[in-house]
């Protein structure tokens, strides 16, 4: 498999990850992540080839943008879970607790 083919595979897997995150489909997310990592291993194995062409750089940039989208989805999901857990525990305020120098009012 060439770097180009592997990058296209990674991009497809990133699209699948985003869809799985949106659908909350854990099995699909695991499958897409496993396939993405496999594609990344192929890219790394072909890293000693000639310098990347403009097309390869474009594909890598697209993969990076999609990966950033996945990261944002995961961070939003994490924040929602944190907020819900705080609600269930009866706590409010900053999700990370009081900052340095914070004090309680009596």
PDB file of N, CA and C in Angstrom:
ATOM      1  N   UNK A   1       0.852  -1.178   0.000  1.00  0.00           N
ATOM      2  CA  UNK A   1       0.000   0.000   0.000  1.00  0.00           C
ATOM      3  C   UNK A   1       0.897   1.240   0.000  1.00  0.00           C
ATOM      4  N   UNK A   2       0.586   2.212  -0.824  1.00  0.00           N
ATOM      5  CA  UNK A   2       1.379   3.436  -0.908  1.00  0.00           C
ATOM      6  C   UNK A   2       0.972   4.412   0.199  1.00  0.00           C
ATOM      7  N   UNK A   3       1.790   5.445   0.394  1.00  0.00           N
ATOM      8  CA  UNK A   3       1.445   6.487   1.366  1.00  0.00           C
ATOM      9  C   UNK A   3       0.113   7.127   1.005  1.00  0.00           C
ATOM     10  N   UNK A   4      -0.080   7.365  -0.281  1.00  0.00           N
ATOM     11  CA  UNK A   4      -1.321   7.984  -0.744  1.00  0.00           C
ATOM     12  C   UNK A   4      -2.523   7.118  -0.383  1.00  0.00           C
ATOM     13  N   UNK A   5      -2.440   5.848  -0.698  1.00  0.00           N
ATOM     14  CA  UNK A   5      -3.533   4.920  -0.389  1.00  0.00           C
ATOM     15  C   UNK A   5      -3.786   4.851   1.121  1.00  0.00           C
ATOM     16  N   UNK A   6      -2.701   4.804   1.881  1.00  0.00           N
ATOM     17  CA  UNK A   6      -2.835   4.736   3.336  1.00  0.00           C
ATOM     18  C   UNK A   6      -3.467   6.011   3.890  1.00  0.00           C
ATOM     19  N   UNK A   7      -3.084   7.163   3.350  1.00  0.00           N
ATOM     20  CA  UNK A   7      -3.682   8.426   3.810  1.00  0.00           C
ATOM     21  C   UNK A   7      -5.167   8.478   3.482  1.00  0.00           C
ATOM     22  N   UNK A   8      -5.535   8.011   2.303  1.00  0.00           N
ATOM     23  CA  UNK A   8      -6.956   7.980   1.935  1.00  0.00           C
ATOM     24  C   UNK A   8      -7.709   7.048   2.882  1.00  0.00           C
ATOM     25  N   UNK A   9      -7.090   5.930   3.220  1.00  0.00           N
ATOM     26  CA  UNK A   9      -7.710   4.996   4.175  1.00  0.00           C
ATOM     27  C   UNK A   9      -7.880   5.660   5.538  1.00  0.00           C
ATOM     28  N   UNK A  10      -6.858   6.383   6.003  1.00  0.00           N
ATOM     29  CA  UNK A  10      -6.939   7.082   7.288  1.00  0.00           C
ATOM     30  C   UNK A  10      -8.050   8.126   7.251  1.00  0.00           C
ATOM     31  N   UNK A  11      -8.154   8.862   6.159  1.00  0.00           N
ATOM     32  CA  UNK A  11      -9.212   9.873   6.020  1.00  0.00           C
ATOM     33  C   UNK A  11     -10.583   9.215   6.083  1.00  0.00           C
ATOM     34  N   UNK A  12     -10.749   8.111   5.375  1.00  0.00           N
ATOM     35  CA  UNK A  12     -12.026   7.379   5.433  1.00  0.00           C
ATOM     36  C   UNK A  12     -12.329   6.924   6.857  1.00  0.00           C
ATOM     37  N   UNK A  13     -11.309   6.448   7.553  1.00  0.00           N
ATOM     38  CA  UNK A  13     -11.497   6.000   8.931  1.00  0.00           C
ATOM     39  C   UNK A  13     -11.855   7.163   9.851  1.00  0.00           C
ATOM     40  N   UNK A  14     -11.270   8.318   9.612  1.00  0.00           N
ATOM     41  CA  UNK A  14     -11.602   9.493  10.417  1.00  0.00           C
ATOM     42  C   UNK A  14     -13.055   9.914  10.191  1.00  0.00           C
ATOM     43  N   UNK A  15     -13.504   9.839   8.952  1.00  0.00           N
ATOM     44  CA  UNK A  15     -14.925  10.108   8.683  1.00  0.00           C
ATOM     45  C   UNK A  15     -15.798   9.104   9.438  1.00  0.00           C
ATOM     46  N   UNK A  16     -15.385   7.844   9.450  1.00  0.00           N
ATOM     47  CA  UNK A  16     -16.141   6.813  10.168  1.00  0.00           C
ATOM     48  C   UNK A  16     -16.118   7.076  11.674  1.00  0.00           C
ATOM     49  N   UNK A  17     -14.990   7.533  12.197  1.00  0.00           N
ATOM     50  CA  UNK A  17     -14.909   7.872  13.622  1.00  0.00           C
ATOM     51  C   UNK A  17     -15.876   8.993  13.974  1.00  0.00           C
ATOM     52  N   UNK A  18     -15.913  10.023  13.143  1.00  0.00           N
ATOM     53  CA  UNK A  18     -16.811  11.147  13.391  1.00  0.00           C
ATOM     54  C   UNK A  18     -18.261  10.677  13.383  1.00  0.00           C
ATOM     55  N   UNK A  19     -18.604   9.864  12.403  1.00  0.00           N
ATOM     56  CA  UNK A  19     -19.972   9.331  12.326  1.00  0.00           C
ATOM     57  C   UNK A  19     -20.295   8.491  13.559  1.00  0.00           C
ATOM     58  N   UNK A  20     -19.346   7.673  13.997  1.00  0.00           N
ATOM     59  CA  UNK A  20     -19.561   6.836  15.179  1.00  0.00           C
ATOM     60  C   UNK A  20     -19.701   7.691  16.437  1.00  0.00           C
ATOM     61  N   UNK A  21     -18.904   8.742  16.548  1.00  0.00           N
ATOM     62  CA  UNK A  21     -19.021   9.643  17.698  1.00  0.00           C
ATOM     63  C   UNK A  21     -20.390  10.317  17.716  1.00  0.00           C
ATOM     64  N   UNK A  22     -20.836  10.780  16.550  1.00  0.00           N
ATOM     65  CA  UNK A  22     -22.148  11.433  16.462  1.00  0.00           C
ATOM     66  C   UNK A  22     -23.272  10.469  16.834  1.00  0.00           C
ATOM     67  N   UNK A  23     -23.125   9.206  16.428  1.00  0.00           N
ATOM     68  CA  UNK A  23     -24.168   8.199  16.665  1.00  0.00           C
ATOM     69  C   UNK A  23     -24.007   7.513  18.019  1.00  0.00           C
ATOM     70  N   UNK A  24     -22.903   7.815  18.713  1.00  0.00           N
ATOM     71  CA  UNK A  24     -22.613   7.159  19.986  1.00  0.00           C
ATOM     72  C   UNK A  24     -22.508   5.643  19.803  1.00  0.00           C
ATOM     73  N   UNK A  25     -21.919   5.230  18.689  1.00  0.00           N
ATOM     74  CA  UNK A  25     -21.774   3.815  18.330  1.00  0.00           C
ATOM     75  C   UNK A  25     -20.358   3.359  18.699  1.00  0.00           C
ATOM     76  N   UNK A  26     -20.232   2.770  19.871  1.00  0.00           N
ATOM     77  CA  UNK A  26     -18.921   2.392  20.396  1.00  0.00           C
ATOM     78  C   UNK A  26     -18.235   1.339  19.529  1.00  0.00           C
ATOM     79  N   UNK A  27     -18.988   0.333  19.071  1.00  0.00           N
ATOM     80  CA  UNK A  27     -18.383  -0.722  18.237  1.00  0.00           C
ATOM     81  C   UNK A  27     -17.822  -0.129  16.946  1.00  0.00           C
ATOM     82  N   UNK A  28     -18.580   0.760  16.317  1.00  0.00           N
ATOM     83  CA  UNK A  28     -18.098   1.400  15.082  1.00  0.00           C
ATOM     84  C   UNK A  28     -16.901   2.294  15.372  1.00  0.00           C
ATOM     85  N   UNK A  29     -16.907   2.963  16.516  1.00  0.00           N
ATOM     86  CA  UNK A  29     -15.780   3.816  16.897  1.00  0.00           C
ATOM     87  C   UNK A  29     -14.518   2.988  17.102  1.00  0.00           C
ATOM     88  N   UNK A  30     -14.641   1.859  17.783  1.00  0.00           N
ATOM     89  CA  UNK A  30     -13.486   0.981  17.994  1.00  0.00           C
ATOM     90  C   UNK A  30     -12.940   0.459  16.671  1.00  0.00           C
ATOM     91  N   UNK A  31     -13.839   0.057  15.788  1.00  0.00           N
ATOM     92  CA  UNK A  31     -13.433  -0.472  14.479  1.00  0.00           C
ATOM     93  C   UNK A  31     -12.716   0.611  13.665  1.00  0.00           C
ATOM     94  N   UNK A  32     -13.299   1.807  13.613  1.00  0.00           N
ATOM     95  CA  UNK A  32     -12.705   2.897  12.837  1.00  0.00           C
ATOM     96  C   UNK A  32     -11.349   3.298  13.410  1.00  0.00           C
ATOM     97  N   UNK A  33     -11.250   3.335  14.729  1.00  0.00           N
ATOM     98  CA  UNK A  33      -9.987   3.711  15.368  1.00  0.00           C
ATOM     99  C   UNK A  33      -8.910   2.664  15.098  1.00  0.00           C
ATOM    100  N   UNK A  34      -9.268   1.401  15.207  1.00  0.00           N
ATOM    101  CA  UNK A  34      -8.314   0.317  14.923  1.00  0.00           C
ATOM    102  C   UNK A  34      -7.822   0.407  13.472  1.00  0.00           C
ATOM    103  N   UNK A  35      -8.749   0.610  12.530  1.00  0.00           N
ATOM    104  CA  UNK A  35      -8.370   0.703  11.118  1.00  0.00           C
ATOM    105  C   UNK A  35      -7.528   1.945  10.850  1.00  0.00           C
ATOM    106  N   UNK A  36      -7.861   3.045  11.526  1.00  0.00           N
ATOM    107  CA  UNK A  36      -7.082   4.281  11.364  1.00  0.00           C
ATOM    108  C   UNK A  36      -5.651   4.059  11.829  1.00  0.00           C
ATOM    109  N   UNK A  37      -5.480   3.433  12.985  1.00  0.00           N
ATOM    110  CA  UNK A  37      -4.140   3.192  13.508  1.00  0.00           C
ATOM    111  C   UNK A  37      -3.344   2.272  12.598  1.00  0.00           C
ATOM    112  N   UNK A  38      -4.011   1.305  11.999  1.00  0.00           N
ATOM    113  CA  UNK A  38      -3.360   0.416  11.035  1.00  0.00           C
ATOM    114  C   UNK A  38      -2.865   1.215   9.827  1.00  0.00           C
ATOM    115  N   UNK A  39      -3.694   2.133   9.336  1.00  0.00           N
ATOM    116  CA  UNK A  39      -3.302   2.982   8.216  1.00  0.00           C
ATOM    117  C   UNK A  39      -2.127   3.879   8.562  1.00  0.00           C
ATOM    118  N   UNK A  40      -2.123   4.386   9.792  1.00  0.00           N
ATOM    119  CA  UNK A  40      -1.021   5.246  10.232  1.00  0.00           C
ATOM    120  C   UNK A  40       0.286   4.450  10.295  1.00  0.00           C
ATOM    121  N   UNK A  41       0.200   3.188  10.706  1.00  0.00           N
ATOM    122  CA  UNK A  41       1.391   2.334  10.724  1.00  0.00           C
ATOM    123  C   UNK A  41       1.954   2.146   9.314  1.00  0.00           C
ATOM    124  N   UNK A  42       1.069   1.997   8.322  1.00  0.00           N
ATOM    125  CA  UNK A  42       1.512   1.862   6.927  1.00  0.00           C
ATOM    126  C   UNK A  42       2.210   3.142   6.482  1.00  0.00           C
ATOM    127  N   UNK A  43       1.635   4.277   6.840  1.00  0.00           N
ATOM    128  CA  UNK A  43       2.249   5.565   6.470  1.00  0.00           C
ATOM    129  C   UNK A  43       3.631   5.670   7.101  1.00  0.00           C
ATOM    130  N   UNK A  44       3.742   5.327   8.368  1.00  0.00           N
ATOM    131  CA  UNK A  44       5.031   5.399   9.061  1.00  0.00           C
ATOM    132  C   UNK A  44       6.053   4.455   8.433  1.00  0.00           C
ATOM    133  N   UNK A  45       5.600   3.296   7.988  1.00  0.00           N
ATOM    134  CA  UNK A  45       6.510   2.331   7.363  1.00  0.00           C
ATOM    135  C   UNK A  45       7.027   2.837   6.020  1.00  0.00           C
ATOM    136  N   UNK A  46       6.260   3.709   5.375  1.00  0.00           N
ATOM    137  CA  UNK A  46       6.657   4.265   4.079  1.00  0.00           C
ATOM    138  C   UNK A  46       7.263   5.657   4.220  1.00  0.00           C
ATOM    139  N   UNK A  47       7.640   6.022   5.427  1.00  0.00           N
ATOM    140  CA  UNK A  47       8.121   7.375   5.684  1.00  0.00           C
ATOM    141  C   UNK A  47       9.504   7.645   5.114  1.00  0.00           C
ATOM    142  N   UNK A  48      10.226   6.601   4.737  1.00  0.00           N
ATOM    143  CA  UNK A  48      11.575   6.786   4.211  1.00  0.00           C
ATOM    144  C   UNK A  48      11.579   6.998   2.698  1.00  0.00           C
ATOM    145  N   UNK A  49      10.396   7.115   2.108  1.00  0.00           N
ATOM    146  CA  UNK A  49      10.299   7.353   0.672  1.00  0.00           C
ATOM    147  C   UNK A  49      10.720   8.790   0.365  1.00  0.00           C
ATOM    148  N   UNK A  50      10.617   9.148  -0.892  1.00  0.00           N
ATOM    149  CA  UNK A  50      10.960  10.496  -1.329  1.00  0.00           C
ATOM    150  C   UNK A  50      10.107  11.520  -0.588  1.00  0.00           C
ATOM    151  N   UNK A  51      10.536  12.770  -0.578  1.00  0.00           N
ATOM    152  CA  UNK A  51       9.739  13.804   0.088  1.00  0.00           C
ATOM    153  C   UNK A  51       8.293  13.783  -0.419  1.00  0.00           C
ATOM    154  N   UNK A  52       7.340  14.123   0.462  1.00  0.00           N
ATOM    155  CA  UNK A  52       5.934  14.056   0.075  1.00  0.00           C
ATOM    156  C   UNK A  52       5.598  15.045  -1.043  1.00  0.00           C
ATOM    157  N   UNK A  53       4.754  14.594  -1.953  1.00  0.00           N
ATOM    158  CA  UNK A  53       4.294  15.458  -3.039  1.00  0.00           C
ATOM    159  C   UNK A  53       3.243  16.425  -2.486  1.00  0.00           C
ATOM    160  N   UNK A  54       2.824  17.352  -3.323  1.00  0.00           N
ATOM    161  CA  UNK A  54       1.782  18.302  -2.928  1.00  0.00           C
ATOM    162  C   UNK A  54       0.493  17.558  -2.587  1.00  0.00           C
ATOM    163  N   UNK A  55       0.184  16.505  -3.343  1.00  0.00           N
ATOM    164  CA  UNK A  55      -1.030  15.734  -3.079  1.00  0.00           C
ATOM    165  C   UNK A  55      -0.952  15.044  -1.717  1.00  0.00           C
ATOM    166  N   UNK A  56       0.203  14.478  -1.399  1.00  0.00           N
ATOM    167  CA  UNK A  56       0.388  13.804  -0.106  1.00  0.00           C
ATOM    168  C   UNK A  56       0.250  14.822   1.027  1.00  0.00           C
ATOM    169  N   UNK A  57       0.840  15.999   0.856  1.00  0.00           N
ATOM    170  CA  UNK A  57       0.717  17.038   1.888  1.00  0.00           C
ATOM    171  C   UNK A  57      -0.733  17.450   2.073  1.00  0.00           C
ATOM    172  N   UNK A  58      -1.474  17.598   0.971  1.00  0.00           N
ATOM    173  CA  UNK A  58      -2.905  17.943   1.060  1.00  0.00           C
ATOM    174  C   UNK A  58      -3.688  16.871   1.799  1.00  0.00           C
ATOM    175  N   UNK A  59      -3.436  15.608   1.468  1.00  0.00           N
ATOM    176  CA  UNK A  59      -4.127  14.514   2.139  1.00  0.00           C
ATOM    177  C   UNK A  59      -3.787  14.480   3.627  1.00  0.00           C
ATOM    178  N   UNK A  60      -2.524  14.714   3.954  1.00  0.00           N
ATOM    179  CA  UNK A  60      -2.111  14.732   5.359  1.00  0.00           C
ATOM    180  C   UNK A  60      -2.776  15.884   6.104  1.00  0.00           C
ATOM    181  N   UNK A  61      -2.889  17.034   5.464  1.00  0.00           N
ATOM    182  CA  UNK A  61      -3.559  18.180   6.083  1.00  0.00           C
ATOM    183  C   UNK A  61      -5.041  17.887   6.305  1.00  0.00           C
ATOM    184  N   UNK A  62      -5.682  17.227   5.342  1.00  0.00           N
ATOM    185  CA  UNK A  62      -7.088  16.851   5.492  1.00  0.00           C
ATOM    186  C   UNK A  62      -7.248  15.867   6.651  1.00  0.00           C
ATOM    187  N   UNK A  63      -6.361  14.892   6.741  1.00  0.00           N
ATOM    188  CA  UNK A  63      -6.405  13.939   7.848  1.00  0.00           C
ATOM    189  C   UNK A  63      -6.230  14.670   9.180  1.00  0.00           C
ATOM    190  N   UNK A  64      -5.332  15.628   9.213  1.00  0.00           N
ATOM    191  CA  UNK A  64      -5.106  16.390  10.440  1.00  0.00           C
ATOM    192  C   UNK A  64      -6.358  17.184  10.827  1.00  0.00           C
ATOM    193  N   UNK A  65      -7.030  17.817   9.866  1.00  0.00           N
ATOM    194  CA  UNK A  65      -8.264  18.562  10.146  1.00  0.00           C
ATOM    195  C   UNK A  65      -9.346  17.632  10.694  1.00  0.00           C
ATOM    196  N   UNK A  66      -9.495  16.474  10.074  1.00  0.00           N
ATOM    197  CA  UNK A  66     -10.501  15.525  10.538  1.00  0.00           C
ATOM    198  C   UNK A  66     -10.163  15.001  11.928  1.00  0.00           C
ATOM    199  N   UNK A  67      -8.894  14.751  12.184  1.00  0.00           N
ATOM    200  CA  UNK A  67      -8.477  14.308  13.511  1.00  0.00           C
ATOM    201  C   UNK A  67      -8.789  15.382  14.552  1.00  0.00           C
ATOM    202  N   UNK A  68      -8.587  16.622  14.199  1.00  0.00           N
ATOM    203  CA  UNK A  68      -8.918  17.734  15.096  1.00  0.00           C
ATOM    204  C   UNK A  68     -10.424  17.773  15.373  1.00  0.00           C
ATOM    205  N   UNK A  69     -11.232  17.496  14.353  1.00  0.00           N
ATOM    206  CA  UNK A  69     -12.685  17.430  14.537  1.00  0.00           C
ATOM    207  C   UNK A  69     -13.040  16.318  15.513  1.00  0.00           C
ATOM    208  N   UNK A  70     -12.405  15.169  15.376  1.00  0.00           N
ATOM    209  CA  UNK A  70     -12.632  14.056  16.314  1.00  0.00           C
ATOM    210  C   UNK A  70     -12.262  14.476  17.734  1.00  0.00           C
ATOM    211  N   UNK A  71     -11.138  15.147  17.872  1.00  0.00           N
ATOM    212  CA  UNK A  71     -10.694  15.587  19.196  1.00  0.00           C
ATOM    213  C   UNK A  71     -11.715  16.530  19.823  1.00  0.00           C
ATOM    214  N   UNK A  72     -12.268  17.435  19.029  1.00  0.00           N
ATOM    215  CA  UNK A  72     -13.259  18.380  19.537  1.00  0.00           C
ATOM    216  C   UNK A  72     -14.509  17.631  19.998  1.00  0.00           C
ATOM    217  N   UNK A  73     -14.977  16.689  19.193  1.00  0.00           N
ATOM    218  CA  UNK A  73     -16.149  15.884  19.591  1.00  0.00           C
ATOM    219  C   UNK A  73     -15.897  15.176  20.915  1.00  0.00           C
ATOM    220  N   UNK A  74     -14.738  14.552  21.050  1.00  0.00           N
ATOM    221  CA  UNK A  74     -14.430  13.827  22.280  1.00  0.00           C
ATOM    222  C   UNK A  74     -14.379  14.790  23.466  1.00  0.00           C
ATOM    223  N   UNK A  75     -13.760  15.942  23.290  1.00  0.00           N
ATOM    224  CA  UNK A  75     -13.698  16.919  24.382  1.00  0.00           C
ATOM    225  C   UNK A  75     -15.082  17.407  24.784  1.00  0.00           C
ATOM    226  N   UNK A  76     -15.961  17.635  23.801  1.00  0.00           N
ATOM    227  CA  UNK A  76     -17.327  18.048  24.118  1.00  0.00           C
ATOM    228  C   UNK A  76     -18.075  16.954  24.866  1.00  0.00           C
ATOM    229  N   UNK A  77     -17.910  15.721  24.424  1.00  0.00           N
ATOM    230  CA  UNK A  77     -18.561  14.601  25.105  1.00  0.00           C
ATOM    231  C   UNK A  77     -18.048  14.479  26.543  1.00  0.00           C
ATOM    232  N   UNK A  78     -16.756  14.653  26.727  1.00  0.00           N
ATOM    233  CA  UNK A  78     -16.161  14.578  28.051  1.00  0.00           C
ATOM    234  C   UNK A  78     -16.713  15.675  28.956  1.00  0.00           C
ATOM    235  N   UNK A  79     -16.812  16.884  28.424  1.00  0.00           N
ATOM    236  CA  UNK A  79     -17.359  17.998  29.208  1.00  0.00           C
ATOM    237  C   UNK A  79     -18.811  17.738  29.581  1.00  0.00           C
ATOM    238  N   UNK A  80     -19.590  17.184  28.665  1.00  0.00           N
ATOM    239  CA  UNK A  80     -20.991  16.869  28.962  1.00  0.00           C
ATOM    240  C   UNK A  80     -21.106  15.808  30.052  1.00  0.00           C
ATOM    241  N   UNK A  81     -20.275  14.791  29.976  1.00  0.00           N
ATOM    242  CA  UNK A  81     -20.291  13.740  31.003  1.00  0.00           C
ATOM    243  C   UNK A  81     -19.878  14.332  32.349  1.00  0.00           C
ATOM    244  N   UNK A  82     -18.837  15.149  32.347  1.00  0.00           N
ATOM    245  CA  UNK A  82     -18.365  15.780  33.588  1.00  0.00           C
ATOM    246  C   UNK A  82     -19.478  16.614  34.215  1.00  0.00           C
ATOM    247  N   UNK A  83     -20.139  17.416  33.387  1.00  0.00           N
ATOM    248  CA  UNK A  83     -21.227  18.269  33.880  1.00  0.00           C
ATOM    249  C   UNK A  83     -22.365  17.424  34.444  1.00  0.00           C
ATOM    250  N   UNK A  84     -22.724  16.355  33.757  1.00  0.00           N
ATOM    251  CA  UNK A  84     -23.808  15.491  34.218  1.00  0.00           C
ATOM    252  C   UNK A  84     -23.444  14.803  35.535  1.00  0.00           C
ATOM    253  N   UNK A  85     -22.197  14.338  35.647  1.00  0.00           N
ATOM    254  CA  UNK A  85     -21.756  13.714  36.889  1.00  0.00           C
ATOM    255  C   UNK A  85     -21.779  14.707  38.050  1.00  0.00           C
ATOM    256  N   UNK A  86     -21.389  15.943  37.764  1.00  0.00           N
ATOM    257  CA  UNK A  86     -21.452  16.969  38.803  1.00  0.00           C
ATOM    258  C   UNK A  86     -22.897  17.218  39.231  1.00  0.00           C
ATOM    259  N   UNK A  87     -23.812  17.243  38.276  1.00  0.00           N
ATOM    260  CA  UNK A  87     -25.223  17.419  38.602  1.00  0.00           C
ATOM    261  C   UNK A  87     -25.711  16.274  39.477  1.00  0.00           C
ATOM    262  N   UNK A  88     -25.340  15.051  39.116  1.00  0.00           N
ATOM    263  CA  UNK A  88     -25.761  13.888  39.886  1.00  0.00           C
ATOM    264  C   UNK A  88     -25.176  13.904  41.297  1.00  0.00           C
ATOM    265  N   UNK A  89     -23.962  14.436  41.422  1.00  0.00           N
ATOM    266  CA  UNK A  89     -23.305  14.500  42.727  1.00  0.00           C
ATOM    267  C   UNK A  89     -23.762  15.716  43.528  1.00  0.00           C
ATOM    268  N   UNK A  90     -24.518  16.614  42.891  1.00  0.00           N
ATOM    269  CA  UNK A  90     -24.992  17.806  43.585  1.00  0.00           C
ATOM    270  C   UNK A  90     -23.951  18.893  43.703  1.00  0.00           C
ATOM    271  N   UNK A  91     -22.935  18.836  42.866  1.00  0.00           N
ATOM    272  CA  UNK A  91     -21.906  19.877  42.886  1.00  0.00           C
ATOM    273  C   UNK A  91     -22.092  20.780  41.687  1.00  0.00           C
ATOM    274  N   UNK A  92     -21.629  21.993  41.827  1.00  0.00           N
ATOM    275  CA  UNK A  92     -21.699  22.957  40.726  1.00  0.00           C
ATOM    276  C   UNK A  92     -20.379  23.693  40.656  1.00  0.00           C
ATOM    277  N   UNK A  93     -20.264  24.559  39.696  1.00  0.00           N
ATOM    278  CA  UNK A  93     -19.063  25.382  39.587  1.00  0.00           C
ATOM    279  C   UNK A  93     -18.098  24.830  38.575  1.00  0.00           C
ATOM    280  N   UNK A  94     -16.874  25.216  38.736  1.00  0.00           N
ATOM    281  CA  UNK A  94     -15.804  24.846  37.809  1.00  0.00           C
ATOM    282  C   UNK A  94     -15.603  23.334  37.818  1.00  0.00           C
ATOM    283  N   UNK A  95     -15.562  22.754  36.644  1.00  0.00           N
ATOM    284  CA  UNK A  95     -15.402  21.305  36.518  1.00  0.00           C
ATOM    285  C   UNK A  95     -14.061  20.826  37.062  1.00  0.00           C
ATOM    286  N   UNK A  96     -13.099  21.709  37.158  1.00  0.00           N
ATOM    287  CA  UNK A  96     -11.764  21.316  37.587  1.00  0.00           C
ATOM    288  C   UNK A  96     -11.495  21.685  39.042  1.00  0.00           C
ATOM    289  N   UNK A  97     -12.491  22.218  39.735  1.00  0.00           N
ATOM    290  CA  UNK A  97     -12.314  22.592  41.136  1.00  0.00           C
ATOM    291  C   UNK A  97     -11.779  24.005  41.240  1.00  0.00           C
ATOM    292  N   UNK A  98     -11.608  24.472  42.457  1.00  0.00           N
ATOM    293  CA  UNK A  98     -11.137  25.837  42.651  1.00  0.00           C
ATOM    294  C   UNK A  98      -9.713  26.008  42.146  1.00  0.00           C
ATOM    295  N   UNK A  99      -9.452  27.165  41.627  1.00  0.00           N
ATOM    296  CA  UNK A  99      -8.125  27.451  41.102  1.00  0.00           C
ATOM    297  C   UNK A  99      -7.157  27.802  42.216  1.00  0.00           C
ATOM    298  N   UNK A 100      -5.902  28.036  41.864  1.00  0.00           N
ATOM    299  CA  UNK A 100      -4.890  28.403  42.852  1.00  0.00           C
ATOM    300  C   UNK A 100      -5.299  29.690  43.563  1.00  0.00           C
ATOM    301  N   UNK A 101      -5.123  29.711  44.844  1.00  0.00           N
ATOM    302  CA  UNK A 101      -5.426  30.910  45.615  1.00  0.00           C
ATOM    303  C   UNK A 101      -6.901  31.092  45.920  1.00  0.00           C
ATOM    304  N   UNK A 102      -7.733  30.132  45.526  1.00  0.00           N
ATOM    305  CA  UNK A 102      -9.161  30.249  45.791  1.00  0.00           C
ATOM    306  C   UNK A 102      -9.422  29.975  47.261  1.00  0.00           C
ATOM    307  N   UNK A 103     -10.437  30.621  47.786  1.00  0.00           N
ATOM    308  CA  UNK A 103     -10.803  30.400  49.175  1.00  0.00           C
ATOM    309  C   UNK A 103     -12.319  30.312  49.299  1.00  0.00           C
ATOM    310  N   UNK A 104     -12.744  29.689  50.338  1.00  0.00           N
ATOM    311  CA  UNK A 104     -14.182  29.515  50.572  1.00  0.00           C
ATOM    312  C   UNK A 104     -14.703  30.680  51.391  1.00  0.00           C
ATOM    313  N   UNK A 105     -15.891  31.126  51.067  1.00  0.00           N
ATOM    314  CA  UNK A 105     -16.537  32.174  51.840  1.00  0.00           C
ATOM    315  C   UNK A 105     -17.342  31.523  52.962  1.00  0.00           C
ATOM    316  N   UNK A 106     -17.272  32.111  54.152  1.00  0.00           N
ATOM    317  CA  UNK A 106     -18.022  31.557  55.278  1.00  0.00           C
ATOM    318  C   UNK A 106     -19.301  32.325  55.524  1.00  0.00           C
TER     319      UNK A 106
END
